[in-house]
């Protein structure tokens, strides 16, 4: 089994990243604007994300986006880029 390493936390922005607990691949993430819906978790605003291939995830201060590092990239997101 190969060791997977991330480059560390990054600012929430569109692009290639790994979101913890959202699968085994790095995806190309876009902000998911859910009209009329917002959330707070442990006093922090939650950000909603949707990858180009359709995977959905959330981030907040305790679980932020990570640099892709050596995580495999999603081939479907790559084709849709």
Protein backbone atom coordinates (compact mmCIF):
# COMPACT_ATOMS: atom_id res chain seq x y z
CA UNK A 1 0.00 0.00 0.00
CA UNK A 2 1.37 3.39 -1.01
CA UNK A 3 1.65 6.14 1.60
CA UNK A 4 -0.51 9.15 0.76
CA UNK A 5 0.73 12.59 1.79
CA UNK A 6 -1.06 15.91 1.54
CA UNK A 7 0.61 19.29 1.23
CA UNK A 8 -1.31 20.67 4.21
CA UNK A 9 -4.39 22.88 4.62
CA UNK A 10 -5.22 25.46 1.94
CA UNK A 11 -7.69 28.32 1.61
CA UNK A 12 -11.14 27.28 0.47
CA UNK A 13 -11.07 27.99 -3.26
CA UNK A 14 -11.92 26.33 -6.55
CA UNK A 15 -9.36 23.83 -7.79
CA UNK A 16 -7.66 20.48 -7.20
CA UNK A 17 -7.67 19.46 -3.53
CA UNK A 18 -8.31 16.58 -1.15
CA UNK A 19 -11.16 16.99 1.30
CA UNK A 20 -10.88 14.62 4.29
CA UNK A 21 -13.57 11.93 4.50
CA UNK A 22 -14.61 12.52 0.84
CA UNK A 23 -13.28 9.45 -0.90
CA UNK A 24 -9.80 8.25 -1.83
CA UNK A 25 -9.04 10.70 -4.65
CA UNK A 26 -8.21 14.37 -5.10
CA UNK A 27 -11.03 16.08 -7.01
CA UNK A 28 -11.50 19.40 -8.79
CA UNK A 29 -13.79 21.22 -6.33
CA UNK A 30 -16.25 24.03 -7.07
CA UNK A 31 -18.26 25.96 -4.45
CA UNK A 32 -21.78 24.50 -4.18
CA UNK A 33 -24.19 27.35 -3.62
CA UNK A 34 -27.26 25.83 -2.01
CA UNK A 35 -29.89 28.55 -2.18
CA UNK A 36 -31.44 29.43 1.16
CA UNK A 37 -29.25 27.02 3.13
CA UNK A 38 -26.38 27.72 5.49
CA UNK A 39 -24.89 25.75 8.34
CA UNK A 40 -22.79 26.28 11.45
CA UNK A 41 -20.77 23.44 13.02
CA UNK A 42 -19.08 23.99 16.39
CA UNK A 43 -19.39 27.74 15.90
CA UNK A 44 -17.79 27.72 12.44
CA UNK A 45 -19.47 28.38 9.09
CA UNK A 46 -19.63 25.30 6.87
CA UNK A 47 -18.65 25.54 3.18
CA UNK A 48 -20.35 23.22 0.68
CA UNK A 49 -18.40 21.80 -2.28
CA UNK A 50 -19.23 19.74 -5.35
CA UNK A 51 -16.61 18.16 -7.57
CA UNK A 52 -16.83 18.21 -11.35
CA UNK A 53 -17.63 14.48 -11.24
CA UNK A 54 -20.50 14.98 -8.75
CA UNK A 55 -18.97 14.12 -5.34
CA UNK A 56 -20.29 16.39 -2.58
CA UNK A 57 -18.41 17.42 0.57
CA UNK A 58 -18.31 20.04 3.30
CA UNK A 59 -15.46 21.87 5.00
CA UNK A 60 -15.15 24.04 8.08
CA UNK A 61 -12.28 25.24 10.24
CA UNK A 62 -11.78 21.80 11.84
CA UNK A 63 -11.88 19.93 8.50
CA UNK A 64 -10.37 22.06 5.76
CA UNK A 65 -9.31 21.42 2.17
CA UNK A 66 -5.84 19.95 1.77
CA UNK A 67 -3.29 20.40 -0.99
CA UNK A 68 -3.43 17.45 -3.37
CA UNK A 69 0.02 16.15 -2.44
CA UNK A 70 0.51 12.69 -3.96
CA UNK A 71 -3.15 11.62 -3.74
CA UNK A 72 -4.33 10.18 -7.08
CA UNK A 73 -6.36 12.65 -9.15
CA UNK A 74 -9.92 11.78 -10.18
CA UNK A 75 -9.80 10.91 -13.88
CA UNK A 76 -13.41 11.92 -14.43
CA UNK A 77 -12.80 15.41 -12.97
CA UNK A 78 -9.74 15.64 -15.24
CA UNK A 79 -11.78 14.81 -18.34
CA UNK A 80 -14.46 17.36 -17.39
CA UNK A 81 -11.90 20.14 -16.75
